[in-house]
Amino acid sequence: MWARDEGKVDWKISRVIHIIGAIIRGNGMRNNEEADRFFGFDLISSIGTHWMFPAFPEEEMSVNASTRILRNLDGLLAEVPLDGHSTIPHFLESPVRTPAYWFARKPGRFDRSHPDCRPDVKALHQTHPNDRDHPLGVNYGSMIGRVRDLSNVAEALEAADAKWSTLSETVGQPESA
């Protein structure tokens, strides 16, 4: 059924995305929390700590007309929108420059005895009391996402593509059978 109406399905999905985008923009929503409140979704809270201790200090590196460059808690240099709307950052630089560079710094960034490694349970109970009327999740992020971000996979894929192009030019393309 989907295959027969493929063009219609693509058009319908595109139209729905366009309508939702217009509603979001027209009502000034900039992130998930604002959209959840607007659409009346149930509140879902989550707790978690940062995964690297001590984390890198957050600092603003530069600002231009529409974006700012930040060093985030993971040590990644990230370009983010100046207006603060929610989006995936454009990562510019990683603390993992080479394996040797990272392994020399890794022990100082994964210190299980660091005081920030222990969550403040009392503060968590105050912020999220047992009598709350909404669920509470535990969020530590995605390990695959962490590896992807730290290793700057986009750069690695571009480099691999460049090496493959050079190799195929040198060796030649295989002949088709």
C-alpha atoms as a PDB file:
ATOM      1  CA  MET A   1       0.000   0.000   0.000  1.00  0.00           C
ATOM      2  CA  TRP A   2       2.767   2.444   0.911  1.00  0.00           C
ATOM      3  CA  ALA A   3       4.638   1.688  -2.296  1.00  0.00           C
ATOM      4  CA  ARG A   4       1.598   2.454  -4.496  1.00  0.00           C
ATOM      5  CA  ASP A   5       0.995   5.869  -2.904  1.00  0.00           C
ATOM      6  CA  GLU A   6       4.628   6.802  -2.288  1.00  0.00           C
ATOM      7  CA  GLY A   7       4.323  10.284  -3.834  1.00  0.00           C
ATOM      8  CA  LYS A   8       1.145  11.047  -1.877  1.00  0.00           C
ATOM      9  CA  VAL A   9       2.667   9.863   1.411  1.00  0.00           C
ATOM     10  CA  ASP A  10       5.796  11.992   0.903  1.00  0.00           C
ATOM     11  CA  TRP A  11       3.621  15.026   0.128  1.00  0.00           C
ATOM     12  CA  LYS A  12       1.389  14.434   3.175  1.00  0.00           C
ATOM     13  CA  ILE A  13       4.353  14.040   5.538  1.00  0.00           C
ATOM     14  CA  SER A  14       5.963  17.149   4.101  1.00  0.00           C
ATOM     15  CA  ARG A  15       2.708  19.089   4.572  1.00  0.00           C
ATOM     16  CA  VAL A  16       2.343  17.954   8.211  1.00  0.00           C
ATOM     17  CA  ILE A  17       5.942  18.961   8.962  1.00  0.00           C
ATOM     18  CA  HIS A  18       5.307  22.352   7.330  1.00  0.00           C
ATOM     19  CA  ILE A  19       2.134  22.910   9.402  1.00  0.00           C
ATOM     20  CA  ILE A  20       3.808  21.915  12.685  1.00  0.00           C
ATOM     21  CA  GLY A  21       6.765  24.175  11.858  1.00  0.00           C
ATOM     22  CA  ALA A  22       4.406  27.096  11.210  1.00  0.00           C
ATOM     23  CA  ILE A  23       2.639  26.507  14.542  1.00  0.00           C
ATOM     24  CA  ILE A  24       5.962  26.361  16.384  1.00  0.00           C
ATOM     25  CA  ARG A  25       7.371  29.498  14.712  1.00  0.00           C
ATOM     26  CA  GLY A  26       4.077  31.396  14.971  1.00  0.00           C
ATOM     27  CA  ASN A  27       3.919  30.837  18.705  1.00  0.00           C
ATOM     28  CA  GLY A  28       7.563  31.629  19.411  1.00  0.00           C
ATOM     29  CA  MET A  29       8.531  28.179  20.687  1.00  0.00           C
ATOM     30  CA  ARG A  30      12.313  27.772  20.815  1.00  0.00           C
ATOM     31  CA  ASN A  31      12.807  24.435  22.608  1.00  0.00           C
ATOM     32  CA  ASN A  32      11.131  21.181  23.645  1.00  0.00           C
ATOM     33  CA  GLU A  33       9.985  22.481  27.035  1.00  0.00           C
ATOM     34  CA  GLU A  34       8.090  25.397  25.457  1.00  0.00           C
ATOM     35  CA  ALA A  35       6.520  23.078  22.871  1.00  0.00           C
ATOM     36  CA  ASP A  36       5.492  20.574  25.570  1.00  0.00           C
ATOM     37  CA  ARG A  37       3.738  23.345  27.536  1.00  0.00           C
ATOM     38  CA  PHE A  38       2.052  24.743  24.399  1.00  0.00           C
ATOM     39  CA  PHE A  39       0.681  21.362  23.275  1.00  0.00           C
ATOM     40  CA  GLY A  40      -0.278  20.387  26.852  1.00  0.00           C
ATOM     41  CA  PHE A  41       2.031  17.372  27.058  1.00  0.00           C
ATOM     42  CA  ASP A  42       2.597  15.842  30.476  1.00  0.00           C
ATOM     43  CA  LEU A  43       5.656  17.016  32.371  1.00  0.00           C
ATOM     44  CA  ILE A  44       8.492  14.505  32.429  1.00  0.00           C
ATOM     45  CA  SER A  45      11.548  15.403  34.479  1.00  0.00           C
ATOM     46  CA  SER A  46      14.918  13.726  34.426  1.00  0.00           C
ATOM     47  CA  ILE A  47      17.996  13.741  36.593  1.00  0.00           C
ATOM     48  CA  GLY A  48      21.574  12.860  35.863  1.00  0.00           C
ATOM     49  CA  THR A  49      25.095  14.080  36.310  1.00  0.00           C
ATOM     50  CA  HIS A  50      27.720  14.968  33.780  1.00  0.00           C
ATOM     51  CA  TRP A  51      29.713  11.964  32.610  1.00  0.00           C
ATOM     52  CA  MET A  52      33.213  13.431  32.728  1.00  0.00           C
ATOM     53  CA  PHE A  53      34.783  14.598  36.005  1.00  0.00           C
ATOM     54  CA  PRO A  54      36.070  17.159  36.244  1.00  0.00           C
ATOM     55  CA  ALA A  55      34.185  18.601  33.307  1.00  0.00           C
ATOM     56  CA  PHE A  56      35.783  21.238  31.123  1.00  0.00           C
ATOM     57  CA  PRO A  57      34.903  24.795  32.135  1.00  0.00           C
ATOM     58  CA  GLU A  58      32.101  26.244  30.013  1.00  0.00           C
ATOM     59  CA  GLU A  59      33.293  29.379  28.276  1.00  0.00           C
ATOM     60  CA  GLU A  60      32.207  31.634  25.458  1.00  0.00           C
ATOM     61  CA  MET A  61      34.970  31.911  22.873  1.00  0.00           C
ATOM     62  CA  SER A  62      33.414  34.362  20.375  1.00  0.00           C
ATOM     63  CA  VAL A  63      30.143  35.882  19.129  1.00  0.00           C
ATOM     64  CA  ASN A  64      29.056  36.972  15.667  1.00  0.00           C
ATOM     65  CA  ALA A  65      25.760  38.236  14.191  1.00  0.00           C
ATOM     66  CA  SER A  66      23.832  34.953  14.487  1.00  0.00           C
ATOM     67  CA  THR A  67      25.929  32.434  16.438  1.00  0.00           C
ATOM     68  CA  ARG A  68      28.318  32.099  19.313  1.00  0.00           C
ATOM     69  CA  ILE A  69      31.184  29.686  19.800  1.00  0.00           C
ATOM     70  CA  LEU A  70      31.289  27.922  23.166  1.00  0.00           C
ATOM     71  CA  ARG A  71      33.583  25.424  24.831  1.00  0.00           C
ATOM     72  CA  ASN A  72      31.107  23.024  26.463  1.00  0.00           C
ATOM     73  CA  LEU A  73      31.440  20.698  29.459  1.00  0.00           C
ATOM     74  CA  ASP A  74      32.771  17.923  27.167  1.00  0.00           C
ATOM     75  CA  GLY A  75      35.559  20.211  25.928  1.00  0.00           C
ATOM     76  CA  LEU A  76      33.953  20.446  22.490  1.00  0.00           C
ATOM     77  CA  LEU A  77      34.065  23.735  20.647  1.00  0.00           C
ATOM     78  CA  ALA A  78      30.462  24.209  19.512  1.00  0.00           C
ATOM     79  CA  GLU A  79      28.728  26.780  17.351  1.00  0.00           C
ATOM     80  CA  VAL A  80      25.201  27.496  18.653  1.00  0.00           C
ATOM     81  CA  PRO A  81      22.469  29.951  17.622  1.00  0.00           C
ATOM     82  CA  LEU A  82      22.651  33.323  19.341  1.00  0.00           C
ATOM     83  CA  ASP A  83      18.874  33.436  19.854  1.00  0.00           C
ATOM     84  CA  GLY A  84      19.051  30.323  22.063  1.00  0.00           C
ATOM     85  CA  HIS A  85      16.641  28.121  20.103  1.00  0.00           C
ATOM     86  CA  SER A  86      17.101  24.400  20.592  1.00  0.00           C
ATOM     87  CA  THR A  87      19.169  22.678  17.907  1.00  0.00           C
ATOM     88  CA  ILE A  88      22.057  20.265  17.531  1.00  0.00           C
ATOM     89  CA  PRO A  89      25.301  22.244  17.862  1.00  0.00           C
ATOM     90  CA  HIS A  90      27.789  22.415  15.011  1.00  0.00           C
ATOM     91  CA  PHE A  91      30.945  20.988  16.588  1.00  0.00           C
ATOM     92  CA  LEU A  92      34.125  22.680  15.404  1.00  0.00           C
ATOM     93  CA  GLU A  93      36.848  21.093  17.528  1.00  0.00           C
ATOM     94  CA  SER A  94      37.215  18.136  19.844  1.00  0.00           C
ATOM     95  CA  PRO A  95      39.497  17.532  22.831  1.00  0.00           C
ATOM     96  CA  VAL A  96      40.379  14.241  21.124  1.00  0.00           C
ATOM     97  CA  ARG A  97      42.885  15.490  18.572  1.00  0.00           C
ATOM     98  CA  THR A  98      44.976  12.339  18.366  1.00  0.00           C
ATOM     99  CA  PRO A  99      44.910   9.141  20.415  1.00  0.00           C
ATOM    100  CA  ALA A 100      48.180  10.129  22.151  1.00  0.00           C
ATOM    101  CA  TYR A 101      46.831  13.607  22.980  1.00  0.00           C
ATOM    102  CA  TRP A 102      43.641  12.138  24.472  1.00  0.00           C
ATOM    103  CA  PHE A 103      45.291   9.336  26.463  1.00  0.00           C
ATOM    104  CA  ALA A 104      47.667  11.860  28.035  1.00  0.00           C
ATOM    105  CA  ARG A 105      44.664  13.899  29.280  1.00  0.00           C
ATOM    106  CA  LYS A 106      42.094  11.162  29.898  1.00  0.00           C
ATOM    107  CA  PRO A 107      43.150  10.252  33.474  1.00  0.00           C
ATOM    108  CA  GLY A 108      42.593  13.846  34.595  1.00  0.00           C
ATOM    109  CA  ARG A 109      39.063  13.887  33.114  1.00  0.00           C
ATOM    110  CA  PHE A 110      37.715  10.589  34.476  1.00  0.00           C
ATOM    111  CA  ASP A 111      38.459  10.864  38.178  1.00  0.00           C
ATOM    112  CA  ARG A 112      35.874   8.800  40.092  1.00  0.00           C
ATOM    113  CA  SER A 113      36.975  10.404  43.363  1.00  0.00           C
ATOM    114  CA  HIS A 114      36.161  13.932  42.093  1.00  0.00           C
ATOM    115  CA  PRO A 115      33.459  15.524  44.324  1.00  0.00           C
ATOM    116  CA  ASP A 116      31.249  16.375  41.311  1.00  0.00           C
ATOM    117  CA  CYS A 117      31.054  12.657  40.545  1.00  0.00           C
ATOM    118  CA  ARG A 118      28.673  12.204  43.499  1.00  0.00           C
ATOM    119  CA  PRO A 119      25.194  13.677  42.970  1.00  0.00           C
ATOM    120  CA  ASP A 120      23.747  15.864  45.722  1.00  0.00           C
ATOM    121  CA  VAL A 121      20.929  13.529  46.782  1.00  0.00           C
ATOM    122  CA  LYS A 122      19.438  16.043  49.232  1.00  0.00           C
ATOM    123  CA  ALA A 123      19.166  18.707  46.504  1.00  0.00           C
ATOM    124  CA  LEU A 124      17.619  16.153  44.114  1.00  0.00           C
ATOM    125  CA  HIS A 125      14.952  15.269  46.722  1.00  0.00           C
ATOM    126  CA  GLN A 126      14.171  18.960  47.184  1.00  0.00           C
ATOM    127  CA  THR A 127      13.882  19.578  43.438  1.00  0.00           C
ATOM    128  CA  HIS A 128      11.970  16.343  42.746  1.00  0.00           C
ATOM    129  CA  PRO A 129      10.004  15.387  45.903  1.00  0.00           C
ATOM    130  CA  ASN A 130       8.428  11.953  46.270  1.00  0.00           C
ATOM    131  CA  ASP A 131       4.915  13.452  46.115  1.00  0.00           C
ATOM    132  CA  ARG A 132       5.410  14.954  42.628  1.00  0.00           C
ATOM    133  CA  ASP A 133       2.664  14.224  40.076  1.00  0.00           C
ATOM    134  CA  HIS A 134       4.907  13.364  37.122  1.00  0.00           C
ATOM    135  CA  PRO A 135       7.474  10.689  36.224  1.00  0.00           C
ATOM    136  CA  LEU A 136      11.177  11.137  36.868  1.00  0.00           C
ATOM    137  CA  GLY A 137      13.749   9.588  34.560  1.00  0.00           C
ATOM    138  CA  VAL A 138      17.471   9.061  34.938  1.00  0.00           C
ATOM    139  CA  ASN A 139      19.449  10.465  32.007  1.00  0.00           C
ATOM    140  CA  TYR A 140      23.136   9.938  31.395  1.00  0.00           C
ATOM    141  CA  GLY A 141      23.061  10.537  27.656  1.00  0.00           C
ATOM    142  CA  SER A 142      24.132   8.229  24.886  1.00  0.00           C
ATOM    143  CA  MET A 143      27.571   6.616  24.979  1.00  0.00           C
ATOM    144  CA  ILE A 144      27.487   6.279  21.197  1.00  0.00           C
ATOM    145  CA  GLY A 145      26.676   9.989  20.971  1.00  0.00           C
ATOM    146  CA  ARG A 146      29.523  10.830  23.345  1.00  0.00           C
ATOM    147  CA  VAL A 147      32.009   8.841  21.273  1.00  0.00           C
ATOM    148  CA  ARG A 148      30.631  10.389  18.066  1.00  0.00           C
ATOM    149  CA  ASP A 149      30.943  13.936  19.417  1.00  0.00           C
ATOM    150  CA  LEU A 150      34.361  13.518  21.040  1.00  0.00           C
ATOM    151  CA  SER A 151      35.895  11.740  18.094  1.00  0.00           C
ATOM    152  CA  ASN A 152      34.457  14.308  15.692  1.00  0.00           C
ATOM    153  CA  VAL A 153      33.152  11.613  13.354  1.00  0.00           C
ATOM    154  CA  ALA A 154      32.188  14.137  10.671  1.00  0.00           C
ATOM    155  CA  GLU A 155      35.830  15.152  10.244  1.00  0.00           C
ATOM    156  CA  ALA A 156      36.930  11.524  10.294  1.00  0.00           C
ATOM    157  CA  LEU A 157      34.447  10.600   7.548  1.00  0.00           C
ATOM    158  CA  GLU A 158      35.557  13.541   5.420  1.00  0.00           C
ATOM    159  CA  ALA A 159      39.189  12.486   5.875  1.00  0.00           C
ATOM    160  CA  ALA A 160      38.347   8.861   5.040  1.00  0.00           C
ATOM    161  CA  ASP A 161      36.463   9.984   1.940  1.00  0.00           C
ATOM    162  CA  ALA A 162      39.439  12.097   0.834  1.00  0.00           C
ATOM    163  CA  LYS A 163      41.818   9.134   1.398  1.00  0.00           C
ATOM    164  CA  TRP A 164      39.473   6.800  -0.522  1.00  0.00           C
ATOM    165  CA  SER A 165      39.266   9.281  -3.412  1.00  0.00           C
ATOM    166  CA  THR A 166      43.053   9.527  -3.524  1.00  0.00           C
ATOM    167  CA  LEU A 167      43.413   5.736  -3.323  1.00  0.00           C
ATOM    168  CA  SER A 168      40.862   5.078  -6.063  1.00  0.00           C
ATOM    169  CA  GLU A 169      42.554   7.658  -8.303  1.00  0.00           C
ATOM    170  CA  THR A 170      45.927   6.004  -7.698  1.00  0.00           C
ATOM    171  CA  VAL A 171      44.799   2.375  -8.039  1.00  0.00           C
ATOM    172  CA  GLY A 172      41.972   2.951 -10.497  1.00  0.00           C
ATOM    173  CA  GLN A 173      38.378   1.910 -10.429  1.00  0.00           C
ATOM    174  CA  PRO A 174      37.542  -1.800 -10.581  1.00  0.00           C
ATOM    175  CA  GLU A 175      36.160  -2.881 -13.916  1.00  0.00           C
ATOM    176  CA  SER A 176      32.529  -3.969 -13.885  1.00  0.00           C
ATOM    177  CA  ALA A 177      31.767  -7.561 -14.864  1.00  0.00           C
END
